[in-house]
Amino acid sequence: MSETALENHDKVLEQAADWQRAGDGVALATVVETWGSAPRPVGSQLAVRADGAFIGSVSGGCIEGAVVVEAQDIIESGTPKLLEFGVSNSRAWEVGLACGGKIRVFVERLG
């Protein structure tokens, strides 16, 4: 991981910890696998607060919005989920996977 990527990773985790200390429900989404072209590498993270505020990135486009919604559900239920996103090349630009790539994102509630 590059120095910039490590700094961003640290900021995501620091913000998640701050939200938790403030009593907010928090979920952490982590890219655990990629195939083909993917906007973010394995290990990229997104922290989501119960009200939908977030920091970090796991993909972009519609996928990030879908991850935030799933994270809010996971904060409520406490049940972690492995999400998989992938599209054909014909729809790739529309959802944010520019070359038809696929990603798996693990989302879990913190605390």
N, C-alpha and C. Protein backbone atom coordinates (compact mmCIF):
# COMPACT_ATOMS: atom_id res chain seq x y z
N MET A 1 0.85 -1.17 0.00
CA MET A 1 0.00 0.00 0.00
C MET A 1 0.89 1.24 0.00
N SER A 2 0.57 2.22 -0.82
CA SER A 2 1.36 3.45 -0.88
C SER A 2 1.16 4.26 0.40
N GLU A 3 2.05 5.23 0.61
CA GLU A 3 1.95 6.07 1.80
C GLU A 3 0.62 6.83 1.83
N THR A 4 0.20 7.34 0.67
CA THR A 4 -1.09 8.05 0.59
C THR A 4 -2.24 7.12 0.93
N ALA A 5 -2.20 5.90 0.41
CA ALA A 5 -3.26 4.93 0.70
C ALA A 5 -3.30 4.60 2.19
N LEU A 6 -2.12 4.47 2.81
CA LEU A 6 -2.08 4.21 4.25
C LEU A 6 -2.65 5.37 5.05
N GLU A 7 -2.34 6.60 4.63
CA GLU A 7 -2.87 7.78 5.32
C GLU A 7 -4.39 7.81 5.22
N ASN A 8 -4.93 7.54 4.03
CA ASN A 8 -6.38 7.52 3.83
C ASN A 8 -7.03 6.42 4.66
N HIS A 9 -6.39 5.24 4.69
CA HIS A 9 -6.87 4.11 5.48
C HIS A 9 -6.94 4.50 6.95
N ASP A 10 -5.89 5.14 7.44
CA ASP A 10 -5.85 5.58 8.84
C ASP A 10 -6.96 6.59 9.13
N LYS A 11 -7.22 7.51 8.20
CA LYS A 11 -8.26 8.52 8.39
C LYS A 11 -9.64 7.86 8.50
N VAL A 12 -9.88 6.86 7.69
CA VAL A 12 -11.16 6.15 7.73
C VAL A 12 -11.34 5.49 9.10
N LEU A 13 -10.30 4.79 9.57
CA LEU A 13 -10.39 4.11 10.85
C LEU A 13 -10.49 5.08 12.02
N GLU A 14 -9.77 6.20 11.94
CA GLU A 14 -9.84 7.22 12.98
C GLU A 14 -11.24 7.81 13.07
N GLN A 15 -11.83 8.12 11.92
CA GLN A 15 -13.18 8.69 11.92
C GLN A 15 -14.19 7.68 12.45
N ALA A 16 -14.05 6.41 12.06
CA ALA A 16 -14.95 5.37 12.56
C ALA A 16 -14.86 5.29 14.09
N ALA A 17 -13.65 5.35 14.62
CA ALA A 17 -13.46 5.30 16.08
C ALA A 17 -14.06 6.53 16.75
N ASP A 18 -13.91 7.71 16.12
CA ASP A 18 -14.51 8.93 16.67
C ASP A 18 -16.03 8.82 16.73
N TRP A 19 -16.62 8.31 15.64
CA TRP A 19 -18.07 8.13 15.62
C TRP A 19 -18.52 7.17 16.71
N GLN A 20 -17.78 6.08 16.88
CA GLN A 20 -18.12 5.11 17.92
C GLN A 20 -18.05 5.75 19.30
N ARG A 21 -16.98 6.49 19.58
CA ARG A 21 -16.83 7.15 20.88
C ARG A 21 -17.97 8.13 21.14
N ALA A 22 -18.51 8.72 20.08
CA ALA A 22 -19.63 9.66 20.21
C ALA A 22 -20.97 8.93 20.39
N GLY A 23 -20.94 7.60 20.34
CA GLY A 23 -22.15 6.82 20.54
C GLY A 23 -22.92 6.49 19.28
N ASP A 24 -22.33 6.77 18.12
CA ASP A 24 -23.00 6.48 16.85
C ASP A 24 -22.80 5.03 16.44
N GLY A 25 -23.79 4.47 15.74
CA GLY A 25 -23.63 3.16 15.12
C GLY A 25 -22.73 3.31 13.90
N VAL A 26 -21.80 2.37 13.72
CA VAL A 26 -20.83 2.47 12.64
C VAL A 26 -20.64 1.10 11.99
N ALA A 27 -20.50 1.10 10.67
CA ALA A 27 -20.14 -0.11 9.93
C ALA A 27 -18.89 0.18 9.12
N LEU A 28 -18.12 -0.86 8.89
CA LEU A 28 -16.90 -0.75 8.08
C LEU A 28 -17.02 -1.69 6.90
N ALA A 29 -16.84 -1.13 5.70
CA ALA A 29 -16.86 -1.91 4.46
C ALA A 29 -15.43 -2.01 3.95
N THR A 30 -15.02 -3.21 3.57
CA THR A 30 -13.66 -3.45 3.11
C THR A 30 -13.67 -4.24 1.81
N VAL A 31 -12.95 -3.76 0.80
CA VAL A 31 -12.80 -4.52 -0.44
C VAL A 31 -11.93 -5.73 -0.13
N VAL A 32 -12.49 -6.93 -0.35
CA VAL A 32 -11.76 -8.15 -0.02
C VAL A 32 -11.30 -8.92 -1.26
N GLU A 33 -11.88 -8.59 -2.42
CA GLU A 33 -11.48 -9.28 -3.64
C GLU A 33 -11.87 -8.44 -4.85
N THR A 34 -11.03 -8.47 -5.88
CA THR A 34 -11.34 -7.79 -7.13
C THR A 34 -10.98 -8.70 -8.29
N TRP A 35 -11.68 -8.51 -9.42
CA TRP A 35 -11.38 -9.20 -10.68
C TRP A 35 -11.42 -8.16 -11.77
N GLY A 36 -10.52 -8.27 -12.71
CA GLY A 36 -10.53 -7.33 -13.83
C GLY A 36 -10.23 -5.93 -13.34
N SER A 37 -10.85 -4.96 -13.97
CA SER A 37 -10.64 -3.57 -13.61
C SER A 37 -11.55 -3.20 -12.46
N ALA A 38 -10.95 -2.68 -11.39
CA ALA A 38 -11.73 -2.21 -10.24
C ALA A 38 -11.15 -0.87 -9.80
N PRO A 39 -12.03 0.09 -9.46
CA PRO A 39 -11.55 1.43 -9.11
C PRO A 39 -10.70 1.49 -7.84
N ARG A 40 -10.91 0.58 -6.90
CA ARG A 40 -10.16 0.59 -5.64
C ARG A 40 -9.55 -0.78 -5.41
N PRO A 41 -8.35 -0.83 -4.84
CA PRO A 41 -7.69 -2.12 -4.60
C PRO A 41 -8.22 -2.83 -3.37
N VAL A 42 -7.88 -4.11 -3.25
CA VAL A 42 -8.19 -4.88 -2.06
C VAL A 42 -7.64 -4.13 -0.85
N GLY A 43 -8.42 -4.09 0.22
CA GLY A 43 -8.02 -3.39 1.43
C GLY A 43 -8.61 -2.00 1.56
N SER A 44 -9.15 -1.46 0.48
CA SER A 44 -9.78 -0.14 0.54
C SER A 44 -10.99 -0.20 1.46
N GLN A 45 -11.22 0.88 2.22
CA GLN A 45 -12.29 0.85 3.20
C GLN A 45 -13.18 2.08 3.15
N LEU A 46 -14.39 1.88 3.63
CA LEU A 46 -15.41 2.91 3.74
C LEU A 46 -16.07 2.74 5.11
N ALA A 47 -16.06 3.78 5.93
CA ALA A 47 -16.76 3.75 7.21
C ALA A 47 -18.08 4.49 7.03
N VAL A 48 -19.13 3.92 7.58
CA VAL A 48 -20.47 4.49 7.44
C VAL A 48 -21.10 4.67 8.82
N ARG A 49 -21.64 5.85 9.05
CA ARG A 49 -22.38 6.13 10.28
C ARG A 49 -23.85 5.81 10.05
N ALA A 50 -24.58 5.54 11.11
CA ALA A 50 -25.99 5.12 10.99
C ALA A 50 -26.84 6.09 10.19
N ASP A 51 -26.51 7.39 10.23
CA ASP A 51 -27.31 8.37 9.49
C ASP A 51 -26.92 8.48 8.03
N GLY A 52 -25.97 7.65 7.57
CA GLY A 52 -25.57 7.64 6.17
C GLY A 52 -24.32 8.44 5.86
N ALA A 53 -23.79 9.19 6.84
CA ALA A 53 -22.52 9.88 6.62
C ALA A 53 -21.44 8.82 6.40
N PHE A 54 -20.47 9.12 5.54
CA PHE A 54 -19.41 8.14 5.31
C PHE A 54 -18.09 8.83 4.98
N ILE A 55 -17.01 8.05 5.12
CA ILE A 55 -15.68 8.50 4.78
C ILE A 55 -14.95 7.32 4.15
N GLY A 56 -14.12 7.60 3.16
CA GLY A 56 -13.38 6.54 2.47
C GLY A 56 -14.06 6.19 1.16
N SER A 57 -13.59 5.09 0.56
CA SER A 57 -14.14 4.68 -0.72
C SER A 57 -13.83 3.21 -0.99
N VAL A 58 -14.83 2.51 -1.53
CA VAL A 58 -14.62 1.13 -1.94
C VAL A 58 -14.80 0.93 -3.43
N SER A 59 -15.37 1.93 -4.11
CA SER A 59 -15.55 1.79 -5.55
C SER A 59 -15.87 3.10 -6.23
N GLY A 60 -17.00 3.65 -5.97
CA GLY A 60 -17.47 4.83 -6.67
C GLY A 60 -18.77 4.52 -7.37
N GLY A 61 -19.35 5.52 -7.98
CA GLY A 61 -20.58 5.32 -8.74
C GLY A 61 -21.71 4.78 -7.88
N CYS A 62 -22.59 4.03 -8.49
CA CYS A 62 -23.75 3.47 -7.81
C CYS A 62 -23.37 2.45 -6.75
N ILE A 63 -22.25 1.81 -6.93
CA ILE A 63 -21.83 0.78 -5.99
C ILE A 63 -21.62 1.36 -4.60
N GLU A 64 -20.96 2.50 -4.52
CA GLU A 64 -20.71 3.11 -3.21
C GLU A 64 -22.04 3.44 -2.51
N GLY A 65 -23.01 3.96 -3.24
CA GLY A 65 -24.31 4.24 -2.66
C GLY A 65 -24.98 2.98 -2.14
N ALA A 66 -24.87 1.90 -2.90
CA ALA A 66 -25.45 0.63 -2.48
C ALA A 66 -24.77 0.10 -1.22
N VAL A 67 -23.47 0.27 -1.12
CA VAL A 67 -22.72 -0.18 0.06
C VAL A 67 -23.16 0.62 1.29
N VAL A 68 -23.36 1.93 1.14
CA VAL A 68 -23.81 2.76 2.26
C VAL A 68 -25.18 2.28 2.76
N VAL A 69 -26.09 2.02 1.85
CA VAL A 69 -27.43 1.54 2.24
C VAL A 69 -27.33 0.19 2.96
N GLU A 70 -26.55 -0.72 2.41
CA GLU A 70 -26.36 -2.03 3.05
C GLU A 70 -25.73 -1.87 4.43
N ALA A 71 -24.75 -0.96 4.54
CA ALA A 71 -24.08 -0.73 5.82
C ALA A 71 -25.06 -0.24 6.88
N GLN A 72 -25.98 0.64 6.47
CA GLN A 72 -26.99 1.12 7.42
C GLN A 72 -27.86 -0.04 7.93
N ASP A 73 -28.23 -0.96 7.05
CA ASP A 73 -28.99 -2.14 7.45
C ASP A 73 -28.17 -3.02 8.40
N ILE A 74 -26.89 -3.15 8.12
CA ILE A 74 -26.01 -3.98 8.94
C ILE A 74 -25.80 -3.35 10.32
N ILE A 75 -25.75 -2.03 10.39
CA ILE A 75 -25.66 -1.36 11.70
C ILE A 75 -26.89 -1.73 12.53
N GLU A 76 -28.05 -1.76 11.90
CA GLU A 76 -29.30 -2.12 12.59
C GLU A 76 -29.32 -3.58 13.02
N SER A 77 -28.99 -4.47 12.10
CA SER A 77 -29.14 -5.91 12.35
C SER A 77 -27.94 -6.53 13.07
N GLY A 78 -26.77 -5.98 12.86
CA GLY A 78 -25.56 -6.57 13.43
C GLY A 78 -25.03 -7.76 12.66
N THR A 79 -25.71 -8.11 11.57
CA THR A 79 -25.30 -9.28 10.78
C THR A 79 -24.40 -8.85 9.63
N PRO A 80 -23.12 -9.27 9.63
CA PRO A 80 -22.22 -8.89 8.54
C PRO A 80 -22.65 -9.52 7.22
N LYS A 81 -22.18 -8.92 6.13
CA LYS A 81 -22.54 -9.39 4.80
C LYS A 81 -21.36 -9.27 3.85
N LEU A 82 -21.28 -10.22 2.92
CA LEU A 82 -20.32 -10.15 1.83
C LEU A 82 -21.11 -9.75 0.59
N LEU A 83 -20.81 -8.57 0.07
CA LEU A 83 -21.51 -8.04 -1.11
C LEU A 83 -20.66 -8.28 -2.34
N GLU A 84 -21.28 -8.62 -3.45
CA GLU A 84 -20.57 -8.81 -4.71
C GLU A 84 -21.20 -7.94 -5.77
N PHE A 85 -20.36 -7.20 -6.47
CA PHE A 85 -20.81 -6.34 -7.54
C PHE A 85 -20.03 -6.67 -8.79
N GLY A 86 -20.72 -6.78 -9.90
CA GLY A 86 -20.07 -7.02 -11.17
C GLY A 86 -21.07 -6.83 -12.28
N VAL A 87 -20.59 -6.35 -13.41
CA VAL A 87 -21.49 -6.09 -14.53
C VAL A 87 -20.81 -6.47 -15.83
N SER A 88 -21.62 -6.60 -16.84
CA SER A 88 -21.09 -6.82 -18.18
C SER A 88 -20.45 -5.53 -18.67
N ASN A 89 -19.59 -5.63 -19.63
CA ASN A 89 -18.93 -4.44 -20.18
C ASN A 89 -19.93 -3.41 -20.70
N SER A 90 -21.08 -3.85 -21.18
CA SER A 90 -22.06 -2.91 -21.75
C SER A 90 -22.67 -1.99 -20.69
N ARG A 91 -22.70 -2.40 -19.42
CA ARG A 91 -23.27 -1.56 -18.36
C ARG A 91 -22.20 -1.02 -17.41
N ALA A 92 -20.95 -1.28 -17.68
CA ALA A 92 -19.87 -0.98 -16.74
C ALA A 92 -19.79 0.50 -16.36
N TRP A 93 -19.84 1.40 -17.33
CA TRP A 93 -19.73 2.83 -17.02
C TRP A 93 -20.88 3.30 -16.14
N GLU A 94 -22.05 2.78 -16.41
CA GLU A 94 -23.26 3.20 -15.69
C GLU A 94 -23.15 3.00 -14.18
N VAL A 95 -22.53 1.91 -13.74
CA VAL A 95 -22.45 1.62 -12.31
C VAL A 95 -21.09 1.90 -11.70
N GLY A 96 -20.15 2.38 -12.48
CA GLY A 96 -18.86 2.78 -11.92
C GLY A 96 -17.75 1.76 -12.02
N LEU A 97 -17.93 0.69 -12.76
CA LEU A 97 -16.85 -0.28 -12.99
C LEU A 97 -16.47 -0.16 -14.47
N ALA A 98 -15.54 0.73 -14.72
CA ALA A 98 -15.24 1.18 -16.07
C ALA A 98 -14.92 0.08 -17.08
N CYS A 99 -14.37 -1.02 -16.66
CA CYS A 99 -14.00 -2.06 -17.63
C CYS A 99 -14.66 -3.40 -17.33
N GLY A 100 -15.83 -3.36 -16.74
CA GLY A 100 -16.55 -4.60 -16.48
C GLY A 100 -15.99 -5.41 -15.33
N GLY A 101 -15.24 -4.80 -14.44
CA GLY A 101 -14.65 -5.50 -13.31
C GLY A 101 -15.69 -5.96 -12.30
N LYS A 102 -15.22 -6.72 -11.33
CA LYS A 102 -16.06 -7.20 -10.25
C LYS A 102 -15.34 -6.96 -8.94
N ILE A 103 -16.12 -6.71 -7.88
CA ILE A 103 -15.53 -6.57 -6.56
C ILE A 103 -16.40 -7.27 -5.53
N ARG A 104 -15.75 -7.70 -4.46
CA ARG A 104 -16.44 -8.21 -3.27
C ARG A 104 -16.08 -7.29 -2.11
N VAL A 105 -17.11 -6.93 -1.36
CA VAL A 105 -16.94 -6.01 -0.24
C VAL A 105 -17.56 -6.64 1.01
N PHE A 106 -16.76 -6.77 2.06
CA PHE A 106 -17.26 -7.30 3.33
C PHE A 106 -17.67 -6.13 4.20
N VAL A 107 -18.89 -6.17 4.72
CA VAL A 107 -19.40 -5.07 5.55
C VAL A 107 -19.77 -5.64 6.92
N GLU A 108 -19.27 -4.98 7.98
CA GLU A 108 -19.55 -5.42 9.33
C GLU A 108 -19.79 -4.23 10.25
N ARG A 109 -20.63 -4.45 11.25
CA ARG A 109 -20.86 -3.41 12.26
C ARG A 109 -19.69 -3.40 13.22
N LEU A 110 -19.28 -2.22 13.62
CA LEU A 110 -18.21 -2.11 14.61
C LEU A 110 -18.83 -1.98 16.00
N GLY A 111 -18.17 -2.57 16.96
CA GLY A 111 -18.60 -2.43 18.35
C GLY A 111 -19.69 -3.32 18.78
